[in-house]
């Protein structure tokens, strides 16, 4: 079977992606083989909390600042109010 020659960056990307897939597969099989169901619950809760924290404390304020900085885009006031509401919700949720 003839395979086209890969450039060095394509070869590195292919090797990196295959190694990453092996690591993820190994992690998933390790998690599935654990007998304790609380590990799955803890992993899901930490994932939810981390995504909530990253989105509400870093990504949404960055989006709000960028939309205020670029006045030429002309966002609606409802958009800004919606983002501010989600930021406040995220902060209050993380405090509780």
PDB file of N, CA and C in Angstrom:
ATOM      1  N   UNK A   1       0.848  -1.169   0.000  1.00  0.00           N
ATOM      2  CA  UNK A   1       0.000   0.000   0.000  1.00  0.00           C
ATOM      3  C   UNK A   1       0.888   1.225   0.000  1.00  0.00           C
ATOM      4  N   UNK A   2       0.585   2.151  -0.864  1.00  0.00           N
ATOM      5  CA  UNK A   2       1.379   3.361  -1.006  1.00  0.00           C
ATOM      6  C   UNK A   2       0.798   4.481  -0.141  1.00  0.00           C
ATOM      7  N   UNK A   3       1.625   5.035   0.719  1.00  0.00           N
ATOM      8  CA  UNK A   3       1.219   6.173   1.541  1.00  0.00           C
ATOM      9  C   UNK A   3       2.030   7.385   1.131  1.00  0.00           C
ATOM     10  N   UNK A   4       1.404   8.538   0.983  1.00  0.00           N
ATOM     11  CA  UNK A   4       2.160   9.730   0.596  1.00  0.00           C
ATOM     12  C   UNK A   4       3.102  10.142   1.716  1.00  0.00           C
ATOM     13  N   UNK A   5       4.198  10.748   1.334  1.00  0.00           N
ATOM     14  CA  UNK A   5       5.184  11.193   2.321  1.00  0.00           C
ATOM     15  C   UNK A   5       4.615  12.364   3.113  1.00  0.00           C
ATOM     16  N   UNK A   6       4.811  12.314   4.413  1.00  0.00           N
ATOM     17  CA  UNK A   6       4.315  13.375   5.290  1.00  0.00           C
ATOM     18  C   UNK A   6       5.429  14.364   5.560  1.00  0.00           C
ATOM     19  N   UNK A   7       5.068  15.632   5.667  1.00  0.00           N
ATOM     20  CA  UNK A   7       6.058  16.618   6.080  1.00  0.00           C
ATOM     21  C   UNK A   7       6.340  16.428   7.565  1.00  0.00           C
ATOM     22  N   UNK A   8       7.357  17.107   8.036  1.00  0.00           N
ATOM     23  CA  UNK A   8       7.737  16.913   9.443  1.00  0.00           C
ATOM     24  C   UNK A   8       6.636  17.390  10.387  1.00  0.00           C
ATOM     25  N   UNK A   9       5.964  18.502  10.050  1.00  0.00           N
ATOM     26  CA  UNK A   9       4.905  18.987  10.939  1.00  0.00           C
ATOM     27  C   UNK A   9       3.700  18.050  10.913  1.00  0.00           C
ATOM     28  N   UNK A  10       3.381  17.482   9.756  1.00  0.00           N
ATOM     29  CA  UNK A  10       2.277  16.528   9.691  1.00  0.00           C
ATOM     30  C   UNK A  10       2.608  15.257  10.448  1.00  0.00           C
ATOM     31  N   UNK A  11       3.856  14.819  10.363  1.00  0.00           N
ATOM     32  CA  UNK A  11       4.268  13.622  11.089  1.00  0.00           C
ATOM     33  C   UNK A  11       4.212  13.846  12.597  1.00  0.00           C
ATOM     34  N   UNK A  12       4.645  15.024  13.029  1.00  0.00           N
ATOM     35  CA  UNK A  12       4.603  15.341  14.458  1.00  0.00           C
ATOM     36  C   UNK A  12       3.162  15.405  14.940  1.00  0.00           C
ATOM     37  N   UNK A  13       2.280  16.056  14.147  1.00  0.00           N
ATOM     38  CA  UNK A  13       0.876  16.153  14.519  1.00  0.00           C
ATOM     39  C   UNK A  13       0.232  14.770  14.577  1.00  0.00           C
ATOM     40  N   UNK A  14       0.531  13.928  13.612  1.00  0.00           N
ATOM     41  CA  UNK A  14      -0.039  12.585  13.588  1.00  0.00           C
ATOM     42  C   UNK A  14       0.427  11.782  14.792  1.00  0.00           C
ATOM     43  N   UNK A  15       1.703  11.876  15.106  1.00  0.00           N
ATOM     44  CA  UNK A  15       2.241  11.148  16.258  1.00  0.00           C
ATOM     45  C   UNK A  15       1.647  11.679  17.560  1.00  0.00           C
ATOM     46  N   UNK A  16       1.559  13.019  17.669  1.00  0.00           N
ATOM     47  CA  UNK A  16       1.000  13.622  18.872  1.00  0.00           C
ATOM     48  C   UNK A  16      -0.459  13.236  19.043  1.00  0.00           C
ATOM     49  N   UNK A  17      -1.235  13.292  17.970  1.00  0.00           N
ATOM     50  CA  UNK A  17      -2.655  12.973  18.083  1.00  0.00           C
ATOM     51  C   UNK A  17      -2.868  11.501  18.414  1.00  0.00           C
ATOM     52  N   UNK A  18      -2.037  10.620  17.864  1.00  0.00           N
ATOM     53  CA  UNK A  18      -2.188   9.200  18.195  1.00  0.00           C
ATOM     54  C   UNK A  18      -1.796   8.929  19.642  1.00  0.00           C
ATOM     55  N   UNK A  19      -0.756   9.597  20.129  1.00  0.00           N
ATOM     56  CA  UNK A  19      -0.367   9.437  21.536  1.00  0.00           C
ATOM     57  C   UNK A  19      -1.445  10.005  22.459  1.00  0.00           C
ATOM     58  N   UNK A  20      -2.037  11.117  22.068  1.00  0.00           N
ATOM     59  CA  UNK A  20      -3.102  11.711  22.873  1.00  0.00           C
ATOM     60  C   UNK A  20      -4.316  10.789  22.929  1.00  0.00           C
ATOM     61  N   UNK A  21      -4.657  10.181  21.815  1.00  0.00           N
ATOM     62  CA  UNK A  21      -5.781   9.245  21.792  1.00  0.00           C
ATOM     63  C   UNK A  21      -5.504   8.035  22.678  1.00  0.00           C
ATOM     64  N   UNK A  22      -4.267   7.548  22.683  1.00  0.00           N
ATOM     65  CA  UNK A  22      -3.920   6.424  23.550  1.00  0.00           C
ATOM     66  C   UNK A  22      -4.033   6.802  25.020  1.00  0.00           C
ATOM     67  N   UNK A  23      -3.593   8.011  25.364  1.00  0.00           N
ATOM     68  CA  UNK A  23      -3.686   8.464  26.751  1.00  0.00           C
ATOM     69  C   UNK A  23      -5.145   8.584  27.171  1.00  0.00           C
ATOM     70  N   UNK A  24      -5.984   9.171  26.313  1.00  0.00           N
ATOM     71  CA  UNK A  24      -7.404   9.295  26.638  1.00  0.00           C
ATOM     72  C   UNK A  24      -8.077   7.934  26.759  1.00  0.00           C
ATOM     73  N   UNK A  25      -7.739   7.021  25.862  1.00  0.00           N
ATOM     74  CA  UNK A  25      -8.306   5.683  25.925  1.00  0.00           C
ATOM     75  C   UNK A  25      -7.890   4.962  27.201  1.00  0.00           C
ATOM     76  N   UNK A  26      -6.635   5.118  27.593  1.00  0.00           N
ATOM     77  CA  UNK A  26      -6.150   4.501  28.822  1.00  0.00           C
ATOM     78  C   UNK A  26      -6.849   5.095  30.042  1.00  0.00           C
ATOM     79  N   UNK A  27      -7.075   6.417  30.026  1.00  0.00           N
ATOM     80  CA  UNK A  27      -7.761   7.059  31.147  1.00  0.00           C
ATOM     81  C   UNK A  27      -9.212   6.602  31.233  1.00  0.00           C
ATOM     82  N   UNK A  28      -9.865   6.482  30.098  1.00  0.00           N
ATOM     83  CA  UNK A  28     -11.260   6.023  30.112  1.00  0.00           C
ATOM     84  C   UNK A  28     -11.385   4.583  30.587  1.00  0.00           C
ATOM     85  N   UNK A  29     -10.487   3.731  30.167  1.00  0.00           N
ATOM     86  CA  UNK A  29     -10.560   2.337  30.619  1.00  0.00           C
ATOM     87  C   UNK A  29     -10.228   2.230  32.102  1.00  0.00           C
ATOM     88  N   UNK A  30      -9.349   3.108  32.585  1.00  0.00           N
ATOM     89  CA  UNK A  30      -9.037   3.102  34.016  1.00  0.00           C
ATOM     90  C   UNK A  30     -10.244   3.550  34.816  1.00  0.00           C
ATOM     91  N   UNK A  31     -10.926   4.598  34.355  1.00  0.00           N
ATOM     92  CA  UNK A  31     -12.098   5.089  35.072  1.00  0.00           C
ATOM     93  C   UNK A  31     -13.213   4.049  35.054  1.00  0.00           C
ATOM     94  N   UNK A  32     -13.395   3.380  33.924  1.00  0.00           N
ATOM     95  CA  UNK A  32     -14.449   2.370  33.841  1.00  0.00           C
ATOM     96  C   UNK A  32     -14.163   1.148  34.699  1.00  0.00           C
ATOM     97  N   UNK A  33     -12.895   0.857  34.897  1.00  0.00           N
ATOM     98  CA  UNK A  33     -12.571  -0.338  35.660  1.00  0.00           C
ATOM     99  C   UNK A  33     -12.639  -0.108  37.169  1.00  0.00           C
ATOM    100  N   UNK A  34     -12.744   1.131  37.605  1.00  0.00           N
ATOM    101  CA  UNK A  34     -12.823   1.403  39.029  1.00  0.00           C
ATOM    102  C   UNK A  34     -14.191   0.983  39.556  1.00  0.00           C
ATOM    103  N   UNK A  35     -14.217   0.281  40.682  1.00  0.00           N
ATOM    104  CA  UNK A  35     -15.485  -0.242  41.175  1.00  0.00           C
ATOM    105  C   UNK A  35     -16.385   0.792  41.836  1.00  0.00           C
ATOM    106  N   UNK A  36     -15.824   1.881  42.282  1.00  0.00           N
ATOM    107  CA  UNK A  36     -16.580   2.845  43.064  1.00  0.00           C
ATOM    108  C   UNK A  36     -17.331   3.799  42.142  1.00  0.00           C
ATOM    109  N   UNK A  37     -18.655   3.884  42.292  1.00  0.00           N
ATOM    110  CA  UNK A  37     -19.473   4.762  41.465  1.00  0.00           C
ATOM    111  C   UNK A  37     -19.313   6.224  41.856  1.00  0.00           C
ATOM    112  N   UNK A  38     -18.846   6.493  43.060  1.00  0.00           N
ATOM    113  CA  UNK A  38     -18.702   7.885  43.480  1.00  0.00           C
ATOM    114  C   UNK A  38     -17.606   8.596  42.700  1.00  0.00           C
ATOM    115  N   UNK A  39     -16.679   7.830  42.136  1.00  0.00           N
ATOM    116  CA  UNK A  39     -15.624   8.447  41.340  1.00  0.00           C
ATOM    117  C   UNK A  39     -16.229   9.090  40.096  1.00  0.00           C
ATOM    118  N   UNK A  40     -17.206   8.415  39.477  1.00  0.00           N
ATOM    119  CA  UNK A  40     -17.871   8.978  38.312  1.00  0.00           C
ATOM    120  C   UNK A  40     -18.642  10.235  38.682  1.00  0.00           C
ATOM    121  N   UNK A  41     -19.296  10.206  39.823  1.00  0.00           N
ATOM    122  CA  UNK A  41     -20.055  11.365  40.279  1.00  0.00           C
ATOM    123  C   UNK A  41     -19.113  12.513  40.583  1.00  0.00           C
ATOM    124  N   UNK A  42     -18.015  12.233  41.272  1.00  0.00           N
ATOM    125  CA  UNK A  42     -17.045  13.276  41.587  1.00  0.00           C
ATOM    126  C   UNK A  42     -16.444  13.869  40.328  1.00  0.00           C
ATOM    127  N   UNK A  43     -16.129  13.020  39.350  1.00  0.00           N
ATOM    128  CA  UNK A  43     -15.565  13.501  38.100  1.00  0.00           C
ATOM    129  C   UNK A  43     -16.555  14.387  37.355  1.00  0.00           C
ATOM    130  N   UNK A  44     -17.810  14.003  37.334  1.00  0.00           N
ATOM    131  CA  UNK A  44     -18.831  14.806  36.662  1.00  0.00           C
ATOM    132  C   UNK A  44     -19.039  16.141  37.379  1.00  0.00           C
ATOM    133  N   UNK A  45     -19.052  16.117  38.699  1.00  0.00           N
ATOM    134  CA  UNK A  45     -19.237  17.361  39.447  1.00  0.00           C
ATOM    135  C   UNK A  45     -18.059  18.312  39.267  1.00  0.00           C
ATOM    136  N   UNK A  46     -16.850  17.770  39.327  1.00  0.00           N
ATOM    137  CA  UNK A  46     -15.675  18.618  39.136  1.00  0.00           C
ATOM    138  C   UNK A  46     -15.604  19.162  37.723  1.00  0.00           C
ATOM    139  N   UNK A  47     -16.015  18.361  36.739  1.00  0.00           N
ATOM    140  CA  UNK A  47     -16.036  18.839  35.361  1.00  0.00           C
ATOM    141  C   UNK A  47     -17.045  19.963  35.202  1.00  0.00           C
ATOM    142  N   UNK A  48     -18.242  19.782  35.753  1.00  0.00           N
ATOM    143  CA  UNK A  48     -19.263  20.824  35.686  1.00  0.00           C
ATOM    144  C   UNK A  48     -18.795  22.092  36.380  1.00  0.00           C
ATOM    145  N   UNK A  49     -18.235  21.950  37.577  1.00  0.00           N
ATOM    146  CA  UNK A  49     -17.786  23.113  38.331  1.00  0.00           C
ATOM    147  C   UNK A  49     -16.650  23.834  37.616  1.00  0.00           C
ATOM    148  N   UNK A  50     -15.726  23.082  37.035  1.00  0.00           N
ATOM    149  CA  UNK A  50     -14.603  23.689  36.329  1.00  0.00           C
ATOM    150  C   UNK A  50     -15.063  24.426  35.074  1.00  0.00           C
ATOM    151  N   UNK A  51     -15.967  23.826  34.320  1.00  0.00           N
ATOM    152  CA  UNK A  51     -16.496  24.505  33.136  1.00  0.00           C
ATOM    153  C   UNK A  51     -17.300  25.747  33.523  1.00  0.00           C
ATOM    154  N   UNK A  52     -18.039  25.651  34.617  1.00  0.00           N
ATOM    155  CA  UNK A  52     -18.808  26.788  35.106  1.00  0.00           C
ATOM    156  C   UNK A  52     -17.878  27.914  35.548  1.00  0.00           C
ATOM    157  N   UNK A  53     -16.816  27.556  36.224  1.00  0.00           N
ATOM    158  CA  UNK A  53     -15.855  28.539  36.714  1.00  0.00           C
ATOM    159  C   UNK A  53     -15.111  29.200  35.561  1.00  0.00           C
ATOM    160  N   UNK A  54     -14.639  28.420  34.615  1.00  0.00           N
ATOM    161  CA  UNK A  54     -13.890  28.976  33.478  1.00  0.00           C
ATOM    162  C   UNK A  54     -14.799  29.858  32.624  1.00  0.00           C
ATOM    163  N   UNK A  55     -16.002  29.368  32.361  1.00  0.00           N
ATOM    164  CA  UNK A  55     -16.911  30.139  31.517  1.00  0.00           C
ATOM    165  C   UNK A  55     -17.419  31.402  32.171  1.00  0.00           C
ATOM    166  N   UNK A  56     -17.850  31.300  33.412  1.00  0.00           N
ATOM    167  CA  UNK A  56     -18.473  32.434  34.074  1.00  0.00           C
ATOM    168  C   UNK A  56     -17.515  33.442  34.660  1.00  0.00           C
ATOM    169  N   UNK A  57     -16.298  33.020  34.988  1.00  0.00           N
ATOM    170  CA  UNK A  57     -15.364  33.927  35.646  1.00  0.00           C
ATOM    171  C   UNK A  57     -14.289  34.448  34.709  1.00  0.00           C
ATOM    172  N   UNK A  58     -14.079  33.757  33.596  1.00  0.00           N
ATOM    173  CA  UNK A  58     -13.016  34.191  32.691  1.00  0.00           C
ATOM    174  C   UNK A  58     -13.522  34.466  31.274  1.00  0.00           C
ATOM    175  N   UNK A  59     -14.250  33.524  30.692  1.00  0.00           N
ATOM    176  CA  UNK A  59     -14.641  33.656  29.285  1.00  0.00           C
ATOM    177  C   UNK A  59     -15.719  34.714  29.080  1.00  0.00           C
ATOM    178  N   UNK A  60     -16.759  34.706  29.899  1.00  0.00           N
ATOM    179  CA  UNK A  60     -17.832  35.694  29.723  1.00  0.00           C
ATOM    180  C   UNK A  60     -17.376  37.121  30.028  1.00  0.00           C
ATOM    181  N   UNK A  61     -16.595  37.364  31.099  1.00  0.00           N
ATOM    182  CA  UNK A  61     -16.090  38.732  31.269  1.00  0.00           C
ATOM    183  C   UNK A  61     -15.176  39.175  30.126  1.00  0.00           C
ATOM    184  N   UNK A  62     -14.392  38.245  29.599  1.00  0.00           N
ATOM    185  CA  UNK A  62     -13.554  38.580  28.454  1.00  0.00           C
ATOM    186  C   UNK A  62     -14.411  38.927  27.237  1.00  0.00           C
ATOM    187  N   UNK A  63     -15.460  38.157  27.002  1.00  0.00           N
ATOM    188  CA  UNK A  63     -16.384  38.443  25.914  1.00  0.00           C
ATOM    189  C   UNK A  63     -17.051  39.802  26.101  1.00  0.00           C
ATOM    190  N   UNK A  64     -17.433  40.112  27.329  1.00  0.00           N
ATOM    191  CA  UNK A  64     -18.072  41.396  27.615  1.00  0.00           C
ATOM    192  C   UNK A  64     -17.100  42.556  27.390  1.00  0.00           C
ATOM    193  N   UNK A  65     -15.875  42.411  27.863  1.00  0.00           N
ATOM    194  CA  UNK A  65     -14.884  43.470  27.658  1.00  0.00           C
ATOM    195  C   UNK A  65     -14.564  43.669  26.187  1.00  0.00           C
ATOM    196  N   UNK A  66     -14.454  42.568  25.451  1.00  0.00           N
ATOM    197  CA  UNK A  66     -14.170  42.687  24.022  1.00  0.00           C
ATOM    198  C   UNK A  66     -15.334  43.321  23.267  1.00  0.00           C
ATOM    199  N   UNK A  67     -16.549  43.002  23.667  1.00  0.00           N
ATOM    200  CA  UNK A  67     -17.696  43.600  22.974  1.00  0.00           C
ATOM    201  C   UNK A  67     -17.836  45.079  23.320  1.00  0.00           C
ATOM    202  N   UNK A  68     -17.441  45.472  24.529  1.00  0.00           N
ATOM    203  CA  UNK A  68     -17.450  46.898  24.865  1.00  0.00           C
ATOM    204  C   UNK A  68     -16.310  47.635  24.169  1.00  0.00           C
ATOM    205  N   UNK A  69     -15.182  46.966  24.007  1.00  0.00           N
ATOM    206  CA  UNK A  69     -14.030  47.610  23.365  1.00  0.00           C
ATOM    207  C   UNK A  69     -14.277  47.827  21.876  1.00  0.00           C
ATOM    208  N   UNK A  70     -14.984  46.908  21.238  1.00  0.00           N
ATOM    209  CA  UNK A  70     -15.281  47.031  19.809  1.00  0.00           C
ATOM    210  C   UNK A  70     -16.666  47.628  19.624  1.00  0.00           C
ATOM    211  N   UNK A  71     -16.761  48.918  19.741  1.00  0.00           N
ATOM    212  CA  UNK A  71     -18.048  49.581  19.601  1.00  0.00           C
ATOM    213  C   UNK A  71     -18.525  49.593  18.156  1.00  0.00           C
ATOM    214  N   UNK A  72     -17.623  49.344  17.214  1.00  0.00           N
ATOM    215  CA  UNK A  72     -18.016  49.346  15.806  1.00  0.00           C
ATOM    216  C   UNK A  72     -18.924  48.164  15.460  1.00  0.00           C
ATOM    217  N   UNK A  73     -18.894  47.111  16.286  1.00  0.00           N
ATOM    218  CA  UNK A  73     -19.753  45.957  16.032  1.00  0.00           C
ATOM    219  C   UNK A  73     -21.203  46.303  16.328  1.00  0.00           C
ATOM    220  N   UNK A  74     -21.450  47.113  17.334  1.00  0.00           N
ATOM    221  CA  UNK A  74     -22.803  47.573  17.648  1.00  0.00           C
ATOM    222  C   UNK A  74     -23.682  46.489  18.254  1.00  0.00           C
ATOM    223  N   UNK A  75     -23.270  45.942  19.364  1.00  0.00           N
ATOM    224  CA  UNK A  75     -24.090  44.940  20.049  1.00  0.00           C
ATOM    225  C   UNK A  75     -25.293  45.594  20.704  1.00  0.00           C
ATOM    226  N   UNK A  76     -26.339  44.829  20.817  1.00  0.00           N
ATOM    227  CA  UNK A  76     -27.561  45.298  21.452  1.00  0.00           C
ATOM    228  C   UNK A  76     -27.371  45.321  22.969  1.00  0.00           C
ATOM    229  N   UNK A  77     -28.110  46.166  23.659  1.00  0.00           N
ATOM    230  CA  UNK A  77     -28.034  46.256  25.119  1.00  0.00           C
ATOM    231  C   UNK A  77     -28.495  44.951  25.757  1.00  0.00           C
ATOM    232  N   UNK A  78     -29.406  44.251  25.111  1.00  0.00           N
ATOM    233  CA  UNK A  78     -29.904  42.976  25.641  1.00  0.00           C
ATOM    234  C   UNK A  78     -28.769  41.953  25.717  1.00  0.00           C
ATOM    235  N   UNK A  79     -27.879  41.971  24.731  1.00  0.00           N
ATOM    236  CA  UNK A  79     -26.722  41.065  24.745  1.00  0.00           C
ATOM    237  C   UNK A  79     -25.847  41.329  25.966  1.00  0.00           C
ATOM    238  N   UNK A  80     -25.550  42.592  26.228  1.00  0.00           N
ATOM    239  CA  UNK A  80     -24.720  42.947  27.385  1.00  0.00           C
ATOM    240  C   UNK A  80     -25.415  42.573  28.700  1.00  0.00           C
ATOM    241  N   UNK A  81     -26.708  42.811  28.786  1.00  0.00           N
ATOM    242  CA  UNK A  81     -27.447  42.442  29.991  1.00  0.00           C
ATOM    243  C   UNK A  81     -27.458  40.925  30.191  1.00  0.00           C
ATOM    244  N   UNK A  82     -27.592  40.180  29.114  1.00  0.00           N
ATOM    245  CA  UNK A  82     -27.585  38.723  29.207  1.00  0.00           C
ATOM    246  C   UNK A  82     -26.236  38.208  29.720  1.00  0.00           C
ATOM    247  N   UNK A  83     -25.153  38.742  29.192  1.00  0.00           N
ATOM    248  CA  UNK A  83     -23.815  38.316  29.622  1.00  0.00           C
ATOM    249  C   UNK A  83     -23.577  38.703  31.084  1.00  0.00           C
ATOM    250  N   UNK A  84     -23.978  39.909  31.467  1.00  0.00           N
ATOM    251  CA  UNK A  84     -23.814  40.345  32.871  1.00  0.00           C
ATOM    252  C   UNK A  84     -24.631  39.454  33.806  1.00  0.00           C
ATOM    253  N   UNK A  85     -25.828  39.081  33.382  1.00  0.00           N
ATOM    254  CA  UNK A  85     -26.662  38.191  34.195  1.00  0.00           C
ATOM    255  C   UNK A  85     -25.992  36.837  34.393  1.00  0.00           C
ATOM    256  N   UNK A  86     -25.414  36.279  33.337  1.00  0.00           N
ATOM    257  CA  UNK A  86     -24.728  34.993  33.470  1.00  0.00           C
ATOM    258  C   UNK A  86     -23.482  35.094  34.334  1.00  0.00           C
ATOM    259  N   UNK A  87     -22.783  36.212  34.273  1.00  0.00           N
ATOM    260  CA  UNK A  87     -21.610  36.401  35.135  1.00  0.00           C
ATOM    261  C   UNK A  87     -22.042  36.447  36.593  1.00  0.00           C
ATOM    262  N   UNK A  88     -23.083  37.206  36.894  1.00  0.00           N
ATOM    263  CA  UNK A  88     -23.582  37.269  38.274  1.00  0.00           C
ATOM    264  C   UNK A  88     -24.092  35.926  38.749  1.00  0.00           C
ATOM    265  N   UNK A  89     -24.776  35.192  37.873  1.00  0.00           N
ATOM    266  CA  UNK A  89     -25.244  33.854  38.224  1.00  0.00           C
ATOM    267  C   UNK A  89     -24.080  32.921  38.521  1.00  0.00           C
ATOM    268  N   UNK A  90     -23.042  32.994  37.714  1.00  0.00           N
ATOM    269  CA  UNK A  90     -21.886  32.137  37.926  1.00  0.00           C
ATOM    270  C   UNK A  90     -21.173  32.445  39.242  1.00  0.00           C
ATOM    271  N   UNK A  91     -21.021  33.720  39.535  1.00  0.00           N
ATOM    272  CA  UNK A  91     -20.384  34.098  40.794  1.00  0.00           C
ATOM    273  C   UNK A  91     -21.203  33.644  41.983  1.00  0.00           C
ATOM    274  N   UNK A  92     -22.520  33.872  41.932  1.00  0.00           N
ATOM    275  CA  UNK A  92     -23.362  33.466  43.063  1.00  0.00           C
ATOM    276  C   UNK A  92     -23.425  31.947  43.203  1.00  0.00           C
ATOM    277  N   UNK A  93     -23.424  31.224  42.082  1.00  0.00           N
ATOM    278  CA  UNK A  93     -23.445  29.766  42.150  1.00  0.00           C
ATOM    279  C   UNK A  93     -22.166  29.227  42.783  1.00  0.00           C
ATOM    280  N   UNK A  94     -21.036  29.825  42.427  1.00  0.00           N
ATOM    281  CA  UNK A  94     -19.759  29.351  42.980  1.00  0.00           C
ATOM    282  C   UNK A  94     -19.610  29.707  44.455  1.00  0.00           C
ATOM    283  N   UNK A  95     -20.266  30.771  44.887  1.00  0.00           N
ATOM    284  CA  UNK A  95     -20.222  31.127  46.316  1.00  0.00           C
ATOM    285  C   UNK A  95     -21.064  30.181  47.163  1.00  0.00           C
ATOM    286  N   UNK A  96     -22.109  29.648  46.582  1.00  0.00           N
ATOM    287  CA  UNK A  96     -22.975  28.743  47.337  1.00  0.00           C
ATOM    288  C   UNK A  96     -22.342  27.415  47.357  1.00  0.00           C
TER     289      UNK A  96
END
